[in-house]
C-alpha cells in the first residue's frame, strides 16, 4: 500500500493538536509524519504547507505494506509543489 508524506525544508510535515488549537509542525522523525492515502489529498495538503511556509515542499510516495511499522522500507517518489 502506498501512502504519501509531505516534506518541507528537509523535514516531514506533521499535524499538531493541543489545548491551544491545531497547526502544522515539522519533524525529523519519519514515524511522526502525517500521511495521506491518496496522492491528490497529499498534494492539496502540500499546497497549504507551501503557502504557510512560503516555500517549496515535496510529496513522497512511500510503499508501506505494514503501515506504520515498516517506514524504513519501501520505495520513494518525489513531486515538488510550489508556493502560491
PDB file of N, CA and C in Angstrom:
ATOM      1  N   UNK A   1       0.847  -1.181   0.000  1.00  0.00           N
ATOM      2  CA  UNK A   1       0.000   0.000   0.000  1.00  0.00           C
ATOM      3  C   UNK A   1       0.892   1.244   0.000  1.00  0.00           C
ATOM      4  N   UNK A   2       0.598   2.169  -0.864  1.00  0.00           N
ATOM      5  CA  UNK A   2       1.368   3.411  -0.905  1.00  0.00           C
ATOM      6  C   UNK A   2       0.609   4.483  -0.127  1.00  0.00           C
ATOM      7  N   UNK A   3       1.337   5.154   0.757  1.00  0.00           N
ATOM      8  CA  UNK A   3       0.825   6.328   1.468  1.00  0.00           C
ATOM      9  C   UNK A   3       1.724   7.479   1.082  1.00  0.00           C
ATOM     10  N   UNK A   4       1.287   8.683   1.309  1.00  0.00           N
ATOM     11  CA  UNK A   4       2.024   9.861   0.881  1.00  0.00           C
ATOM     12  C   UNK A   4       2.335  10.766   2.067  1.00  0.00           C
ATOM     13  N   UNK A   5       3.577  11.230   2.120  1.00  0.00           N
ATOM     14  CA  UNK A   5       4.011  12.165   3.154  1.00  0.00           C
ATOM     15  C   UNK A   5       4.467  13.449   2.473  1.00  0.00           C
ATOM     16  N   UNK A   6       4.441  14.542   3.225  1.00  0.00           N
ATOM     17  CA  UNK A   6       4.864  15.836   2.720  1.00  0.00           C
ATOM     18  C   UNK A   6       6.155  16.223   3.436  1.00  0.00           C
ATOM     19  N   UNK A   7       7.143  16.694   2.661  1.00  0.00           N
ATOM     20  CA  UNK A   7       8.433  17.097   3.211  1.00  0.00           C
ATOM     21  C   UNK A   7       8.663  18.572   2.881  1.00  0.00           C
ATOM     22  N   UNK A   8       9.082  19.331   3.900  1.00  0.00           N
ATOM     23  CA  UNK A   8       9.389  20.752   3.732  1.00  0.00           C
ATOM     24  C   UNK A   8      10.694  21.046   4.451  1.00  0.00           C
ATOM     25  N   UNK A   9      11.594  21.732   3.790  1.00  0.00           N
ATOM     26  CA  UNK A   9      12.893  22.076   4.392  1.00  0.00           C
ATOM     27  C   UNK A   9      13.610  20.853   4.960  1.00  0.00           C
ATOM     28  N   UNK A  10      13.499  19.727   4.267  1.00  0.00           N
ATOM     29  CA  UNK A  10      14.193  18.512   4.680  1.00  0.00           C
ATOM     30  C   UNK A  10      13.587  17.816   5.882  1.00  0.00           C
ATOM     31  N   UNK A  11      12.402  18.249   6.316  1.00  0.00           N
ATOM     32  CA  UNK A  11      11.739  17.623   7.452  1.00  0.00           C
ATOM     33  C   UNK A  11      10.339  17.170   7.039  1.00  0.00           C
ATOM     34  N   UNK A  12       9.831  16.179   7.752  1.00  0.00           N
ATOM     35  CA  UNK A  12       8.496  15.673   7.489  1.00  0.00           C
ATOM     36  C   UNK A  12       7.454  16.582   8.130  1.00  0.00           C
ATOM     37  N   UNK A  13       6.343  16.756   7.444  1.00  0.00           N
ATOM     38  CA  UNK A  13       5.247  17.565   7.963  1.00  0.00           C
ATOM     39  C   UNK A  13       4.374  16.691   8.861  1.00  0.00           C
ATOM     40  N   UNK A  14       3.982  17.260   9.986  1.00  0.00           N
ATOM     41  CA  UNK A  14       3.122  16.558  10.931  1.00  0.00           C
ATOM     42  C   UNK A  14       2.040  17.510  11.419  1.00  0.00           C
ATOM     43  N   UNK A  15       0.948  16.963  11.869  1.00  0.00           N
ATOM     44  CA  UNK A  15      -0.126  17.781  12.432  1.00  0.00           C
ATOM     45  C   UNK A  15       0.117  17.944  13.926  1.00  0.00           C
ATOM     46  N   UNK A  16      -0.184  19.122  14.415  1.00  0.00           N
ATOM     47  CA  UNK A  16      -0.065  19.406  15.841  1.00  0.00           C
ATOM     48  C   UNK A  16      -1.460  19.622  16.412  1.00  0.00           C
ATOM     49  N   UNK A  17      -1.729  18.984  17.541  1.00  0.00           N
ATOM     50  CA  UNK A  17      -3.007  19.137  18.225  1.00  0.00           C
ATOM     51  C   UNK A  17      -2.735  19.434  19.684  1.00  0.00           C
ATOM     52  N   UNK A  18      -3.497  20.337  20.254  1.00  0.00           N
ATOM     53  CA  UNK A  18      -3.321  20.643  21.666  1.00  0.00           C
ATOM     54  C   UNK A  18      -4.403  21.566  22.164  1.00  0.00           C
ATOM     55  N   UNK A  19      -4.342  21.899  23.455  1.00  0.00           N
ATOM     56  CA  UNK A  19      -5.365  22.751  24.056  1.00  0.00           C
ATOM     57  C   UNK A  19      -5.450  24.131  23.393  1.00  0.00           C
ATOM     58  N   UNK A  20      -4.340  24.607  22.866  1.00  0.00           N
ATOM     59  CA  UNK A  20      -4.315  25.916  22.226  1.00  0.00           C
ATOM     60  C   UNK A  20      -4.789  25.911  20.787  1.00  0.00           C
ATOM     61  N   UNK A  21      -5.080  24.740  20.243  1.00  0.00           N
ATOM     62  CA  UNK A  21      -5.522  24.625  18.862  1.00  0.00           C
ATOM     63  C   UNK A  21      -4.653  23.656  18.084  1.00  0.00           C
ATOM     64  N   UNK A  22      -4.848  23.635  16.792  1.00  0.00           N
ATOM     65  CA  UNK A  22      -4.095  22.721  15.931  1.00  0.00           C
ATOM     66  C   UNK A  22      -3.234  23.518  14.966  1.00  0.00           C
ATOM     67  N   UNK A  23      -2.280  22.831  14.343  1.00  0.00           N
ATOM     68  CA  UNK A  23      -1.401  23.513  13.412  1.00  0.00           C
ATOM     69  C   UNK A  23      -0.527  22.541  12.655  1.00  0.00           C
ATOM     70  N   UNK A  24       0.445  23.099  11.946  1.00  0.00           N
ATOM     71  CA  UNK A  24       1.386  22.326  11.140  1.00  0.00           C
ATOM     72  C   UNK A  24       2.729  22.326  11.848  1.00  0.00           C
ATOM     73  N   UNK A  25       3.335  21.162  11.963  1.00  0.00           N
ATOM     74  CA  UNK A  25       4.656  21.047  12.560  1.00  0.00           C
ATOM     75  C   UNK A  25       5.616  20.356  11.613  1.00  0.00           C
ATOM     76  N   UNK A  26       6.896  20.433  11.917  1.00  0.00           N
ATOM     77  CA  UNK A  26       7.934  19.737  11.158  1.00  0.00           C
ATOM     78  C   UNK A  26       8.689  18.828  12.110  1.00  0.00           C
ATOM     79  N   UNK A  27       9.058  17.660  11.630  1.00  0.00           N
ATOM     80  CA  UNK A  27       9.762  16.695  12.455  1.00  0.00           C
ATOM     81  C   UNK A  27      10.820  15.964  11.630  1.00  0.00           C
ATOM     82  N   UNK A  28      11.893  15.569  12.284  1.00  0.00           N
ATOM     83  CA  UNK A  28      12.913  14.737  11.634  1.00  0.00           C
ATOM     84  C   UNK A  28      12.517  13.268  11.656  1.00  0.00           C
ATOM     85  N   UNK A  29      11.571  12.913  12.515  1.00  0.00           N
ATOM     86  CA  UNK A  29      11.174  11.512  12.706  1.00  0.00           C
ATOM     87  C   UNK A  29      10.099  11.103  11.702  1.00  0.00           C
ATOM     88  N   UNK A  30      10.447  10.220  10.810  1.00  0.00           N
ATOM     89  CA  UNK A  30       9.501   9.752   9.798  1.00  0.00           C
ATOM     90  C   UNK A  30       8.276   9.110  10.441  1.00  0.00           C
ATOM     91  N   UNK A  31       8.470   8.444  11.584  1.00  0.00           N
ATOM     92  CA  UNK A  31       7.357   7.805  12.283  1.00  0.00           C
ATOM     93  C   UNK A  31       6.319   8.810  12.751  1.00  0.00           C
ATOM     94  N   UNK A  32       6.706  10.064  12.938  1.00  0.00           N
ATOM     95  CA  UNK A  32       5.792  11.103  13.411  1.00  0.00           C
ATOM     96  C   UNK A  32       5.139  11.892  12.280  1.00  0.00           C
ATOM     97  N   UNK A  33       5.502  11.571  11.047  1.00  0.00           N
ATOM     98  CA  UNK A  33       4.970  12.308   9.889  1.00  0.00           C
ATOM     99  C   UNK A  33       3.491  12.025   9.693  1.00  0.00           C
ATOM    100  N   UNK A  34       2.769  13.055   9.250  1.00  0.00           N
ATOM    101  CA  UNK A  34       1.399  12.840   8.823  1.00  0.00           C
ATOM    102  C   UNK A  34       1.432  12.150   7.471  1.00  0.00           C
ATOM    103  N   UNK A  35       0.393  11.414   7.135  1.00  0.00           N
ATOM    104  CA  UNK A  35       0.371  10.761   5.827  1.00  0.00           C
ATOM    105  C   UNK A  35      -1.038  10.766   5.269  1.00  0.00           C
ATOM    106  N   UNK A  36      -1.112  10.614   3.958  1.00  0.00           N
ATOM    107  CA  UNK A  36      -2.375  10.631   3.245  1.00  0.00           C
ATOM    108  C   UNK A  36      -2.475   9.381   2.389  1.00  0.00           C
ATOM    109  N   UNK A  37      -3.696   8.890   2.202  1.00  0.00           N
ATOM    110  CA  UNK A  37      -3.920   7.669   1.437  1.00  0.00           C
ATOM    111  C   UNK A  37      -3.874   7.941  -0.062  1.00  0.00           C
ATOM    112  N   UNK A  38      -4.328   9.123  -0.491  1.00  0.00           N
ATOM    113  CA  UNK A  38      -4.326   9.415  -1.925  1.00  0.00           C
ATOM    114  C   UNK A  38      -3.320  10.517  -2.255  1.00  0.00           C
ATOM    115  N   UNK A  39      -2.782  10.422  -3.449  1.00  0.00           N
ATOM    116  CA  UNK A  39      -1.827  11.425  -3.922  1.00  0.00           C
ATOM    117  C   UNK A  39      -2.496  12.793  -4.005  1.00  0.00           C
ATOM    118  N   UNK A  40      -3.735  12.825  -4.455  1.00  0.00           N
ATOM    119  CA  UNK A  40      -4.453  14.087  -4.599  1.00  0.00           C
ATOM    120  C   UNK A  40      -4.595  14.814  -3.261  1.00  0.00           C
ATOM    121  N   UNK A  41      -4.927  14.093  -2.203  1.00  0.00           N
ATOM    122  CA  UNK A  41      -5.053  14.701  -0.874  1.00  0.00           C
ATOM    123  C   UNK A  41      -3.702  15.199  -0.372  1.00  0.00           C
ATOM    124  N   UNK A  42      -2.659  14.426  -0.630  1.00  0.00           N
ATOM    125  CA  UNK A  42      -1.319  14.846  -0.210  1.00  0.00           C
ATOM    126  C   UNK A  42      -0.891  16.115  -0.936  1.00  0.00           C
ATOM    127  N   UNK A  43      -1.210  16.228  -2.218  1.00  0.00           N
ATOM    128  CA  UNK A  43      -0.874  17.425  -2.978  1.00  0.00           C
ATOM    129  C   UNK A  43      -1.656  18.625  -2.444  1.00  0.00           C
ATOM    130  N   UNK A  44      -2.930  18.427  -2.106  1.00  0.00           N
ATOM    131  CA  UNK A  44      -3.715  19.509  -1.501  1.00  0.00           C
ATOM    132  C   UNK A  44      -3.063  19.984  -0.204  1.00  0.00           C
ATOM    133  N   UNK A  45      -2.671  19.040   0.624  1.00  0.00           N
ATOM    134  CA  UNK A  45      -2.007  19.383   1.890  1.00  0.00           C
ATOM    135  C   UNK A  45      -0.679  20.079   1.624  1.00  0.00           C
ATOM    136  N   UNK A  46       0.067  19.602   0.639  1.00  0.00           N
ATOM    137  CA  UNK A  46       1.364  20.207   0.307  1.00  0.00           C
ATOM    138  C   UNK A  46       1.208  21.656  -0.130  1.00  0.00           C
ATOM    139  N   UNK A  47       0.154  21.951  -0.864  1.00  0.00           N
ATOM    140  CA  UNK A  47      -0.088  23.329  -1.294  1.00  0.00           C
ATOM    141  C   UNK A  47      -0.346  24.239  -0.098  1.00  0.00           C
ATOM    142  N   UNK A  48      -1.101  23.745   0.882  1.00  0.00           N
ATOM    143  CA  UNK A  48      -1.366  24.526   2.095  1.00  0.00           C
ATOM    144  C   UNK A  48      -0.072  24.751   2.870  1.00  0.00           C
ATOM    145  N   UNK A  49       0.723  23.702   3.001  1.00  0.00           N
ATOM    146  CA  UNK A  49       2.005  23.818   3.720  1.00  0.00           C
ATOM    147  C   UNK A  49       2.927  24.796   3.000  1.00  0.00           C
ATOM    148  N   UNK A  50       3.012  24.709   1.680  1.00  0.00           N
ATOM    149  CA  UNK A  50       3.864  25.611   0.900  1.00  0.00           C
ATOM    150  C   UNK A  50       3.438  27.058   1.093  1.00  0.00           C
ATOM    151  N   UNK A  51       2.139  27.288   1.104  1.00  0.00           N
ATOM    152  CA  UNK A  51       1.635  28.645   1.299  1.00  0.00           C
ATOM    153  C   UNK A  51       1.944  29.150   2.713  1.00  0.00           C
ATOM    154  N   UNK A  52       1.763  28.298   3.711  1.00  0.00           N
ATOM    155  CA  UNK A  52       2.036  28.685   5.105  1.00  0.00           C
ATOM    156  C   UNK A  52       3.518  28.961   5.349  1.00  0.00           C
ATOM    157  N   UNK A  53       4.374  28.135   4.748  1.00  0.00           N
ATOM    158  CA  UNK A  53       5.813  28.269   4.982  1.00  0.00           C
ATOM    159  C   UNK A  53       6.486  29.199   3.978  1.00  0.00           C
ATOM    160  N   UNK A  54       5.786  29.509   2.893  1.00  0.00           N
ATOM    161  CA  UNK A  54       6.348  30.399   1.883  1.00  0.00           C
ATOM    162  C   UNK A  54       7.489  29.786   1.104  1.00  0.00           C
ATOM    163  N   UNK A  55       7.418  28.497   0.832  1.00  0.00           N
ATOM    164  CA  UNK A  55       8.494  27.848   0.098  1.00  0.00           C
ATOM    165  C   UNK A  55       8.010  26.629  -0.652  1.00  0.00           C
ATOM    166  N   UNK A  56       8.962  25.802  -1.047  1.00  0.00           N
ATOM    167  CA  UNK A  56       8.643  24.588  -1.778  1.00  0.00           C
ATOM    168  C   UNK A  56       8.582  23.400  -0.844  1.00  0.00           C
ATOM    169  N   UNK A  57       7.714  22.473  -1.183  1.00  0.00           N
ATOM    170  CA  UNK A  57       7.600  21.223  -0.434  1.00  0.00           C
ATOM    171  C   UNK A  57       7.585  20.077  -1.439  1.00  0.00           C
ATOM    172  N   UNK A  58       7.724  18.871  -0.962  1.00  0.00           N
ATOM    173  CA  UNK A  58       7.688  17.691  -1.828  1.00  0.00           C
ATOM    174  C   UNK A  58       6.723  16.674  -1.266  1.00  0.00           C
ATOM    175  N   UNK A  59       6.070  15.946  -2.159  1.00  0.00           N
ATOM    176  CA  UNK A  59       5.208  14.831  -1.779  1.00  0.00           C
ATOM    177  C   UNK A  59       5.977  13.550  -2.071  1.00  0.00           C
ATOM    178  N   UNK A  60       6.148  12.724  -1.060  1.00  0.00           N
ATOM    179  CA  UNK A  60       6.847  11.448  -1.213  1.00  0.00           C
ATOM    180  C   UNK A  60       5.829  10.316  -1.119  1.00  0.00           C
ATOM    181  N   UNK A  61       5.833   9.448  -2.119  1.00  0.00           N
ATOM    182  CA  UNK A  61       5.024   8.241  -2.070  1.00  0.00           C
ATOM    183  C   UNK A  61       5.852   7.140  -1.447  1.00  0.00           C
ATOM    184  N   UNK A  62       5.335   6.538  -0.370  1.00  0.00           N
ATOM    185  CA  UNK A  62       6.072   5.507   0.346  1.00  0.00           C
ATOM    186  C   UNK A  62       5.292   4.203   0.266  1.00  0.00           C
ATOM    187  N   UNK A  63       5.911   3.182  -0.304  1.00  0.00           N
ATOM    188  CA  UNK A  63       5.292   1.867  -0.374  1.00  0.00           C
ATOM    189  C   UNK A  63       5.297   1.300   1.037  1.00  0.00           C
ATOM    190  N   UNK A  64       4.154   1.206   1.638  1.00  0.00           N
ATOM    191  CA  UNK A  64       4.069   0.875   3.052  1.00  0.00           C
ATOM    192  C   UNK A  64       3.087  -0.259   3.315  1.00  0.00           C
ATOM    193  N   UNK A  65       3.494  -1.499   3.093  1.00  0.00           N
ATOM    194  CA  UNK A  65       2.563  -2.619   3.274  1.00  0.00           C
ATOM    195  C   UNK A  65       2.175  -2.868   4.725  1.00  0.00           C
ATOM    196  N   UNK A  66       3.031  -2.535   5.675  1.00  0.00           N
ATOM    197  CA  UNK A  66       2.752  -2.801   7.086  1.00  0.00           C
ATOM    198  C   UNK A  66       2.664  -1.511   7.883  1.00  0.00           C
ATOM    199  N   UNK A  67       2.039  -0.490   7.343  1.00  0.00           N
ATOM    200  CA  UNK A  67       1.941   0.817   7.984  1.00  0.00           C
ATOM    201  C   UNK A  67       1.507   0.666   9.436  1.00  0.00           C
ATOM    202  N   UNK A  68       2.115   1.360  10.382  1.00  0.00           N
ATOM    203  CA  UNK A  68       3.241   2.267  10.268  1.00  0.00           C
ATOM    204  C   UNK A  68       4.574   1.647  10.660  1.00  0.00           C
ATOM    205  N   UNK A  69       4.648   0.352  10.838  1.00  0.00           N
ATOM    206  CA  UNK A  69       5.841  -0.265  11.413  1.00  0.00           C
ATOM    207  C   UNK A  69       7.042  -0.343  10.486  1.00  0.00           C
ATOM    208  N   UNK A  70       6.846  -0.292   9.188  1.00  0.00           N
ATOM    209  CA  UNK A  70       7.978  -0.505   8.286  1.00  0.00           C
ATOM    210  C   UNK A  70       8.376   0.741   7.519  1.00  0.00           C
ATOM    211  N   UNK A  71       8.318   1.905   8.164  1.00  0.00           N
ATOM    212  CA  UNK A  71       8.647   3.158   7.487  1.00  0.00           C
ATOM    213  C   UNK A  71      10.009   3.139   6.808  1.00  0.00           C
ATOM    214  N   UNK A  72      10.954   2.391   7.334  1.00  0.00           N
ATOM    215  CA  UNK A  72      12.299   2.426   6.781  1.00  0.00           C
ATOM    216  C   UNK A  72      12.427   1.637   5.489  1.00  0.00           C
ATOM    217  N   UNK A  73      11.440   0.826   5.157  1.00  0.00           N
ATOM    218  CA  UNK A  73      11.494   0.089   3.898  1.00  0.00           C
ATOM    219  C   UNK A  73      10.626   0.783   2.864  1.00  0.00           C
ATOM    220  N   UNK A  74      10.745   0.385   1.630  1.00  0.00           N
ATOM    221  CA  UNK A  74       9.857   0.910   0.597  1.00  0.00           C
ATOM    222  C   UNK A  74      10.536   1.881  -0.338  1.00  0.00           C
ATOM    223  N   UNK A  75       9.910   2.083  -1.477  1.00  0.00           N
ATOM    224  CA  UNK A  75      10.447   3.000  -2.472  1.00  0.00           C
ATOM    225  C   UNK A  75       9.820   4.363  -2.283  1.00  0.00           C
ATOM    226  N   UNK A  76      10.528   5.369  -2.724  1.00  0.00           N
ATOM    227  CA  UNK A  76      10.069   6.741  -2.547  1.00  0.00           C
ATOM    228  C   UNK A  76      10.071   7.440  -3.893  1.00  0.00           C
ATOM    229  N   UNK A  77       9.006   8.167  -4.189  1.00  0.00           N
ATOM    230  CA  UNK A  77       8.968   9.038  -5.361  1.00  0.00           C
ATOM    231  C   UNK A  77       8.726  10.452  -4.869  1.00  0.00           C
ATOM    232  N   UNK A  78       9.194  11.437  -5.616  1.00  0.00           N
ATOM    233  CA  UNK A  78       9.122  12.821  -5.162  1.00  0.00           C
ATOM    234  C   UNK A  78       8.441  13.686  -6.195  1.00  0.00           C
ATOM    235  N   UNK A  79       7.571  14.580  -5.732  1.00  0.00           N
ATOM    236  CA  UNK A  79       6.957  15.588  -6.596  1.00  0.00           C
ATOM    237  C   UNK A  79       7.055  16.918  -5.875  1.00  0.00           C
ATOM    238  N   UNK A  80       7.593  17.936  -6.513  1.00  0.00           N
ATOM    239  CA  UNK A  80       7.696  19.252  -5.905  1.00  0.00           C
ATOM    240  C   UNK A  80       6.421  20.038  -6.130  1.00  0.00           C
ATOM    241  N   UNK A  81       6.048  20.800  -5.123  1.00  0.00           N
ATOM    242  CA  UNK A  81       4.868  21.649  -5.211  1.00  0.00           C
ATOM    243  C   UNK A  81       5.298  23.042  -4.785  1.00  0.00           C
ATOM    244  N   UNK A  82       5.071  24.035  -5.626  1.00  0.00           N
ATOM    245  CA  UNK A  82       5.500  25.400  -5.321  1.00  0.00           C
ATOM    246  C   UNK A  82       4.499  26.169  -4.499  1.00  0.00           C
ATOM    247  N   UNK A  83       4.962  27.195  -3.881  1.00  0.00           N
ATOM    248  CA  UNK A  83       4.082  28.081  -3.105  1.00  0.00           C
ATOM    249  C   UNK A  83       3.224  28.895  -4.062  1.00  0.00           C
ATOM    250  N   UNK A  84       2.048  29.261  -3.560  1.00  0.00           N
ATOM    251  CA  UNK A  84       1.213  30.162  -4.337  1.00  0.00           C
ATOM    252  C   UNK A  84       0.104  29.500  -4.925  1.00  0.00           C
TER     253      UNK A  84
END
